[in-house]
Amino acid sequence: MLENLKPTIRHYPCKMKTILESLSEADRKTLTDALESPLWNNSALTTALNERGLKLSRYTVDAHTGKRCSCWRT
């Protein structure tokens, strides 16, 4: 009766993904490029985003760029 009992896997977007989805296409590309760029470290990027009104922690950026956030869970 309970052989196939499995937990429900819920996928919630992390704050970075939520921010990315709220941006215009041009801003989304700019931020995506910055997240992938070796020229930006996560601390500097977090500071730059906070200065522009996008409030998030360095941990959020670290988790997203390190693929440790909820976006990457299977």
PDB file of N, CA and C in Angstrom:
ATOM      1  N   MET A   1       0.806  -1.185   0.000  1.00  0.00           N
ATOM      2  CA  MET A   1       0.000   0.000   0.000  1.00  0.00           C
ATOM      3  C   MET A   1       0.867   1.274   0.000  1.00  0.00           C
ATOM      4  N   LEU A   2       1.969   1.285   0.716  1.00  0.00           N
ATOM      5  CA  LEU A   2       2.792   2.492   0.816  1.00  0.00           C
ATOM      6  C   LEU A   2       4.112   2.362   0.055  1.00  0.00           C
ATOM      7  N   GLU A   3       4.207   1.430  -0.863  1.00  0.00           N
ATOM      8  CA  GLU A   3       5.452   1.171  -1.575  1.00  0.00           C
ATOM      9  C   GLU A   3       5.996   2.394  -2.314  1.00  0.00           C
ATOM     10  N   ASN A   4       5.157   3.188  -2.901  1.00  0.00           N
ATOM     11  CA  ASN A   4       5.585   4.335  -3.706  1.00  0.00           C
ATOM     12  C   ASN A   4       5.487   5.665  -2.955  1.00  0.00           C
ATOM     13  N   LEU A   5       5.510   5.611  -1.646  1.00  0.00           N
ATOM     14  CA  LEU A   5       5.415   6.816  -0.832  1.00  0.00           C
ATOM     15  C   LEU A   5       6.694   7.646  -0.984  1.00  0.00           C
ATOM     16  N   LYS A   6       6.551   8.852  -1.491  1.00  0.00           N
ATOM     17  CA  LYS A   6       7.703   9.734  -1.698  1.00  0.00           C
ATOM     18  C   LYS A   6       7.316  11.144  -1.280  1.00  0.00           C
ATOM     19  N   PRO A   7       8.289  11.900  -0.792  1.00  0.00           N
ATOM     20  CA  PRO A   7       7.968  13.286  -0.427  1.00  0.00           C
ATOM     21  C   PRO A   7       7.734  14.131  -1.673  1.00  0.00           C
ATOM     22  N   THR A   8       6.917  15.137  -1.516  1.00  0.00           N
ATOM     23  CA  THR A   8       6.688  16.080  -2.600  1.00  0.00           C
ATOM     24  C   THR A   8       7.889  17.008  -2.682  1.00  0.00           C
ATOM     25  N   ILE A   9       8.467  17.126  -3.865  1.00  0.00           N
ATOM     26  CA  ILE A   9       9.602  18.021  -4.052  1.00  0.00           C
ATOM     27  C   ILE A   9       9.055  19.354  -4.535  1.00  0.00           C
ATOM     28  N   ARG A  10       9.312  20.378  -3.760  1.00  0.00           N
ATOM     29  CA  ARG A  10       8.839  21.710  -4.115  1.00  0.00           C
ATOM     30  C   ARG A  10      10.020  22.535  -4.575  1.00  0.00           C
ATOM     31  N   HIS A  11       9.843  23.218  -5.656  1.00  0.00           N
ATOM     32  CA  HIS A  11      10.882  24.078  -6.187  1.00  0.00           C
ATOM     33  C   HIS A  11      10.449  25.527  -6.024  1.00  0.00           C
ATOM     34  N   TYR A  12      11.152  26.212  -5.160  1.00  0.00           N
ATOM     35  CA  TYR A  12      10.895  27.617  -4.947  1.00  0.00           C
ATOM     36  C   TYR A  12      12.067  28.391  -5.545  1.00  0.00           C
ATOM     37  N   PRO A  13      11.802  29.430  -6.291  1.00  0.00           N
ATOM     38  CA  PRO A  13      12.915  30.206  -6.833  1.00  0.00           C
ATOM     39  C   PRO A  13      13.641  30.930  -5.705  1.00  0.00           C
ATOM     40  N   CYS A  14      14.954  31.018  -5.826  1.00  0.00           N
ATOM     41  CA  CYS A  14      15.706  31.784  -4.835  1.00  0.00           C
ATOM     42  C   CYS A  14      15.473  33.272  -5.101  1.00  0.00           C
ATOM     43  N   LYS A  15      15.945  34.094  -4.183  1.00  0.00           N
ATOM     44  CA  LYS A  15      15.721  35.536  -4.323  1.00  0.00           C
ATOM     45  C   LYS A  15      16.383  36.075  -5.590  1.00  0.00           C
ATOM     46  N   MET A  16      17.539  35.539  -5.958  1.00  0.00           N
ATOM     47  CA  MET A  16      18.217  36.008  -7.168  1.00  0.00           C
ATOM     48  C   MET A  16      17.358  35.727  -8.401  1.00  0.00           C
ATOM     49  N   LYS A  17      16.782  34.537  -8.476  1.00  0.00           N
ATOM     50  CA  LYS A  17      15.936  34.213  -9.621  1.00  0.00           C
ATOM     51  C   LYS A  17      14.691  35.098  -9.634  1.00  0.00           C
ATOM     52  N   THR A  18      14.137  35.364  -8.464  1.00  0.00           N
ATOM     53  CA  THR A  18      12.978  36.239  -8.369  1.00  0.00           C
ATOM     54  C   THR A  18      13.322  37.635  -8.882  1.00  0.00           C
ATOM     55  N   ILE A  19      14.490  38.125  -8.502  1.00  0.00           N
ATOM     56  CA  ILE A  19      14.942  39.435  -8.984  1.00  0.00           C
ATOM     57  C   ILE A  19      15.154  39.390 -10.491  1.00  0.00           C
ATOM     58  N   LEU A  20      15.832  38.367 -10.988  1.00  0.00           N
ATOM     59  CA  LEU A  20      16.073  38.249 -12.429  1.00  0.00           C
ATOM     60  C   LEU A  20      14.765  38.267 -13.216  1.00  0.00           C
ATOM     61  N   GLU A  21      13.769  37.561 -12.725  1.00  0.00           N
ATOM     62  CA  GLU A  21      12.485  37.488 -13.432  1.00  0.00           C
ATOM     63  C   GLU A  21      11.714  38.811 -13.392  1.00  0.00           C
ATOM     64  N   SER A  22      12.054  39.672 -12.440  1.00  0.00           N
ATOM     65  CA  SER A  22      11.345  40.949 -12.328  1.00  0.00           C
ATOM     66  C   SER A  22      11.964  42.045 -13.201  1.00  0.00           C
ATOM     67  N   LEU A  23      13.138  41.794 -13.745  1.00  0.00           N
ATOM     68  CA  LEU A  23      13.857  42.808 -14.517  1.00  0.00           C
ATOM     69  C   LEU A  23      13.428  42.829 -15.978  1.00  0.00           C
ATOM     70  N   SER A  24      13.715  43.936 -16.622  1.00  0.00           N
ATOM     71  CA  SER A  24      13.508  44.014 -18.072  1.00  0.00           C
ATOM     72  C   SER A  24      14.496  43.057 -18.737  1.00  0.00           C
ATOM     73  N   GLU A  25      14.250  42.745 -19.983  1.00  0.00           N
ATOM     74  CA  GLU A  25      15.121  41.812 -20.696  1.00  0.00           C
ATOM     75  C   GLU A  25      16.571  42.318 -20.727  1.00  0.00           C
ATOM     76  N   ALA A  26      16.758  43.609 -20.970  1.00  0.00           N
ATOM     77  CA  ALA A  26      18.109  44.177 -21.035  1.00  0.00           C
ATOM     78  C   ALA A  26      18.805  44.102 -19.677  1.00  0.00           C
ATOM     79  N   ASP A  27      18.079  44.457 -18.605  1.00  0.00           N
ATOM     80  CA  ASP A  27      18.669  44.393 -17.270  1.00  0.00           C
ATOM     81  C   ASP A  27      18.941  42.952 -16.853  1.00  0.00           C
ATOM     82  N   ARG A  28      18.045  42.040 -17.236  1.00  0.00           N
ATOM     83  CA  ARG A  28      18.253  40.620 -16.928  1.00  0.00           C
ATOM     84  C   ARG A  28      19.534  40.116 -17.580  1.00  0.00           C
ATOM     85  N   LYS A  29      19.763  40.496 -18.822  1.00  0.00           N
ATOM     86  CA  LYS A  29      20.989  40.076 -19.514  1.00  0.00           C
ATOM     87  C   LYS A  29      22.220  40.673 -18.839  1.00  0.00           C
ATOM     88  N   THR A  30      22.138  41.950 -18.458  1.00  0.00           N
ATOM     89  CA  THR A  30      23.256  42.604 -17.779  1.00  0.00           C
ATOM     90  C   THR A  30      23.601  41.882 -16.483  1.00  0.00           C
ATOM     91  N   LEU A  31      22.579  41.565 -15.682  1.00  0.00           N
ATOM     92  CA  LEU A  31      22.820  40.883 -14.413  1.00  0.00           C
ATOM     93  C   LEU A  31      23.299  39.453 -14.641  1.00  0.00           C
ATOM     94  N   THR A  32      22.722  38.747 -15.580  1.00  0.00           N
ATOM     95  CA  THR A  32      23.166  37.384 -15.879  1.00  0.00           C
ATOM     96  C   THR A  32      24.630  37.381 -16.310  1.00  0.00           C
ATOM     97  N   ASP A  33      24.995  38.321 -17.162  1.00  0.00           N
ATOM     98  CA  ASP A  33      26.395  38.429 -17.595  1.00  0.00           C
ATOM     99  C   ASP A  33      27.312  38.709 -16.411  1.00  0.00           C
ATOM    100  N   ALA A  34      26.877  39.588 -15.511  1.00  0.00           N
ATOM    101  CA  ALA A  34      27.686  39.901 -14.328  1.00  0.00           C
ATOM    102  C   ALA A  34      27.831  38.678 -13.419  1.00  0.00           C
ATOM    103  N   LEU A  35      26.765  37.920 -13.257  1.00  0.00           N
ATOM    104  CA  LEU A  35      26.827  36.720 -12.422  1.00  0.00           C
ATOM    105  C   LEU A  35      27.801  35.687 -12.983  1.00  0.00           C
ATOM    106  N   GLU A  36      27.933  35.649 -14.291  1.00  0.00           N
ATOM    107  CA  GLU A  36      28.807  34.671 -14.948  1.00  0.00           C
ATOM    108  C   GLU A  36      30.218  35.195 -15.183  1.00  0.00           C
ATOM    109  N   SER A  37      30.437  36.478 -14.969  1.00  0.00           N
ATOM    110  CA  SER A  37      31.715  37.101 -15.285  1.00  0.00           C
ATOM    111  C   SER A  37      32.761  36.883 -14.190  1.00  0.00           C
ATOM    112  N   PRO A  38      33.972  36.523 -14.590  1.00  0.00           N
ATOM    113  CA  PRO A  38      35.052  36.416 -13.607  1.00  0.00           C
ATOM    114  C   PRO A  38      35.540  37.793 -13.135  1.00  0.00           C
ATOM    115  N   LEU A  39      35.088  38.855 -13.784  1.00  0.00           N
ATOM    116  CA  LEU A  39      35.488  40.210 -13.401  1.00  0.00           C
ATOM    117  C   LEU A  39      34.767  40.702 -12.152  1.00  0.00           C
ATOM    118  N   TRP A  40      33.640  40.072 -11.817  1.00  0.00           N
ATOM    119  CA  TRP A  40      32.869  40.442 -10.636  1.00  0.00           C
ATOM    120  C   TRP A  40      33.074  39.400  -9.552  1.00  0.00           C
ATOM    121  N   ASN A  41      33.405  39.836  -8.334  1.00  0.00           N
ATOM    122  CA  ASN A  41      33.319  38.887  -7.223  1.00  0.00           C
ATOM    123  C   ASN A  41      31.958  39.102  -6.568  1.00  0.00           C
ATOM    124  N   ASN A  42      31.496  38.118  -5.831  1.00  0.00           N
ATOM    125  CA  ASN A  42      30.135  38.164  -5.297  1.00  0.00           C
ATOM    126  C   ASN A  42      29.910  39.315  -4.328  1.00  0.00           C
ATOM    127  N   SER A  43      30.922  39.661  -3.573  1.00  0.00           N
ATOM    128  CA  SER A  43      30.786  40.760  -2.626  1.00  0.00           C
ATOM    129  C   SER A  43      30.606  42.092  -3.354  1.00  0.00           C
ATOM    130  N   ALA A  44      31.429  42.348  -4.360  1.00  0.00           N
ATOM    131  CA  ALA A  44      31.325  43.597  -5.120  1.00  0.00           C
ATOM    132  C   ALA A  44      30.001  43.668  -5.876  1.00  0.00           C
ATOM    133  N   LEU A  45      29.566  42.546  -6.427  1.00  0.00           N
ATOM    134  CA  LEU A  45      28.303  42.523  -7.156  1.00  0.00           C
ATOM    135  C   LEU A  45      27.131  42.792  -6.205  1.00  0.00           C
ATOM    136  N   THR A  46      27.177  42.195  -5.025  1.00  0.00           N
ATOM    137  CA  THR A  46      26.125  42.435  -4.033  1.00  0.00           C
ATOM    138  C   THR A  46      26.058  43.908  -3.662  1.00  0.00           C
ATOM    139  N   THR A  47      27.209  44.510  -3.435  1.00  0.00           N
ATOM    140  CA  THR A  47      27.258  45.932  -3.093  1.00  0.00           C
ATOM    141  C   THR A  47      26.668  46.774  -4.221  1.00  0.00           C
ATOM    142  N   ALA A  48      27.059  46.480  -5.457  1.00  0.00           N
ATOM    143  CA  ALA A  48      26.560  47.240  -6.605  1.00  0.00           C
ATOM    144  C   ALA A  48      25.045  47.086  -6.756  1.00  0.00           C
ATOM    145  N   LEU A  49      24.529  45.896  -6.548  1.00  0.00           N
ATOM    146  CA  LEU A  49      23.083  45.670  -6.659  1.00  0.00           C
ATOM    147  C   LEU A  49      22.329  46.383  -5.540  1.00  0.00           C
ATOM    148  N   ASN A  50      22.857  46.322  -4.321  1.00  0.00           N
ATOM    149  CA  ASN A  50      22.222  47.013  -3.193  1.00  0.00           C
ATOM    150  C   ASN A  50      22.196  48.521  -3.420  1.00  0.00           C
ATOM    151  N   GLU A  51      23.257  49.054  -3.991  1.00  0.00           N
ATOM    152  CA  GLU A  51      23.298  50.488  -4.283  1.00  0.00           C
ATOM    153  C   GLU A  51      22.240  50.892  -5.306  1.00  0.00           C
ATOM    154  N   ARG A  52      21.818  49.942  -6.112  1.00  0.00           N
ATOM    155  CA  ARG A  52      20.804  50.206  -7.140  1.00  0.00           C
ATOM    156  C   ARG A  52      19.400  49.799  -6.693  1.00  0.00           C
ATOM    157  N   GLY A  53      19.264  49.526  -5.403  1.00  0.00           N
ATOM    158  CA  GLY A  53      17.942  49.242  -4.856  1.00  0.00           C
ATOM    159  C   GLY A  53      17.527  47.781  -4.862  1.00  0.00           C
ATOM    160  N   LEU A  54      18.387  46.880  -5.306  1.00  0.00           N
ATOM    161  CA  LEU A  54      18.078  45.450  -5.286  1.00  0.00           C
ATOM    162  C   LEU A  54      18.687  44.865  -4.018  1.00  0.00           C
ATOM    163  N   LYS A  55      17.869  44.761  -2.985  1.00  0.00           N
ATOM    164  CA  LYS A  55      18.354  44.361  -1.668  1.00  0.00           C
ATOM    165  C   LYS A  55      18.453  42.842  -1.548  1.00  0.00           C
ATOM    166  N   LEU A  56      19.676  42.374  -1.403  1.00  0.00           N
ATOM    167  CA  LEU A  56      19.939  40.965  -1.173  1.00  0.00           C
ATOM    168  C   LEU A  56      21.275  40.829  -0.480  1.00  0.00           C
ATOM    169  N   SER A  57      21.518  39.671   0.085  1.00  0.00           N
ATOM    170  CA  SER A  57      22.761  39.452   0.818  1.00  0.00           C
ATOM    171  C   SER A  57      23.807  38.799  -0.078  1.00  0.00           C
ATOM    172  N   ARG A  58      25.044  38.884   0.362  1.00  0.00           N
ATOM    173  CA  ARG A  58      26.112  38.223  -0.378  1.00  0.00           C
ATOM    174  C   ARG A  58      25.881  36.707  -0.386  1.00  0.00           C
ATOM    175  N   TYR A  59      25.318  36.185   0.696  1.00  0.00           N
ATOM    176  CA  TYR A  59      25.017  34.754   0.748  1.00  0.00           C
ATOM    177  C   TYR A  59      24.094  34.348  -0.405  1.00  0.00           C
ATOM    178  N   THR A  60      23.102  35.168  -0.701  1.00  0.00           N
ATOM    179  CA  THR A  60      22.174  34.877  -1.797  1.00  0.00           C
ATOM    180  C   THR A  60      22.918  34.793  -3.127  1.00  0.00           C
ATOM    181  N   VAL A  61      23.806  35.739  -3.360  1.00  0.00           N
ATOM    182  CA  VAL A  61      24.594  35.732  -4.598  1.00  0.00           C
ATOM    183  C   VAL A  61      25.530  34.533  -4.602  1.00  0.00           C
ATOM    184  N   ASP A  62      26.198  34.274  -3.470  1.00  0.00           N
ATOM    185  CA  ASP A  62      27.103  33.114  -3.370  1.00  0.00           C
ATOM    186  C   ASP A  62      26.374  31.808  -3.659  1.00  0.00           C
ATOM    187  N   ALA A  63      25.210  31.638  -3.046  1.00  0.00           N
ATOM    188  CA  ALA A  63      24.451  30.396  -3.228  1.00  0.00           C
ATOM    189  C   ALA A  63      24.005  30.229  -4.673  1.00  0.00           C
ATOM    190  N   HIS A  64      23.555  31.312  -5.303  1.00  0.00           N
ATOM    191  CA  HIS A  64      23.081  31.213  -6.682  1.00  0.00           C
ATOM    192  C   HIS A  64      24.238  30.937  -7.647  1.00  0.00           C
ATOM    193  N   THR A  65      25.326  31.680  -7.518  1.00  0.00           N
ATOM    194  CA  THR A  65      26.453  31.465  -8.436  1.00  0.00           C
ATOM    195  C   THR A  65      27.139  30.126  -8.185  1.00  0.00           C
ATOM    196  N   GLY A  66      27.061  29.642  -6.944  1.00  0.00           N
ATOM    197  CA  GLY A  66      27.650  28.342  -6.607  1.00  0.00           C
ATOM    198  C   GLY A  66      26.708  27.182  -6.838  1.00  0.00           C
ATOM    199  N   LYS A  67      25.527  27.461  -7.369  1.00  0.00           N
ATOM    200  CA  LYS A  67      24.506  26.454  -7.656  1.00  0.00           C
ATOM    201  C   LYS A  67      24.108  25.673  -6.396  1.00  0.00           C
ATOM    202  N   ARG A  68      24.004  26.404  -5.286  1.00  0.00           N
ATOM    203  CA  ARG A  68      23.594  25.792  -4.012  1.00  0.00           C
ATOM    204  C   ARG A  68      22.236  26.321  -3.563  1.00  0.00           C
ATOM    205  N   CYS A  69      21.579  27.112  -4.396  1.00  0.00           N
ATOM    206  CA  CYS A  69      20.274  27.658  -4.041  1.00  0.00           C
ATOM    207  C   CYS A  69      19.170  26.720  -4.526  1.00  0.00           C
ATOM    208  N   SER A  70      17.950  27.098  -4.249  1.00  0.00           N
ATOM    209  CA  SER A  70      16.815  26.248  -4.610  1.00  0.00           C
ATOM    210  C   SER A  70      16.616  26.122  -6.123  1.00  0.00           C
ATOM    211  N   CYS A  71      17.186  27.024  -6.904  1.00  0.00           N
ATOM    212  CA  CYS A  71      17.056  26.950  -8.376  1.00  0.00           C
ATOM    213  C   CYS A  71      17.661  25.666  -8.942  1.00  0.00           C
ATOM    214  N   TRP A  72      18.655  25.155  -8.255  1.00  0.00           N
ATOM    215  CA  TRP A  72      19.425  24.030  -8.800  1.00  0.00           C
ATOM    216  C   TRP A  72      19.057  22.691  -8.175  1.00  0.00           C
ATOM    217  N   ARG A  73      18.134  22.684  -7.224  1.00  0.00           N
ATOM    218  CA  ARG A  73      17.752  21.412  -6.585  1.00  0.00           C
ATOM    219  C   ARG A  73      16.871  20.595  -7.522  1.00  0.00           C
ATOM    220  N   THR A  74      17.074  19.314  -7.473  1.00  0.00           N
ATOM    221  CA  THR A  74      16.265  18.424  -8.303  1.00  0.00           C
ATOM    222  C   THR A  74      15.353  17.572  -7.469  1.00  0.00           C
TER     223      THR A  74
END
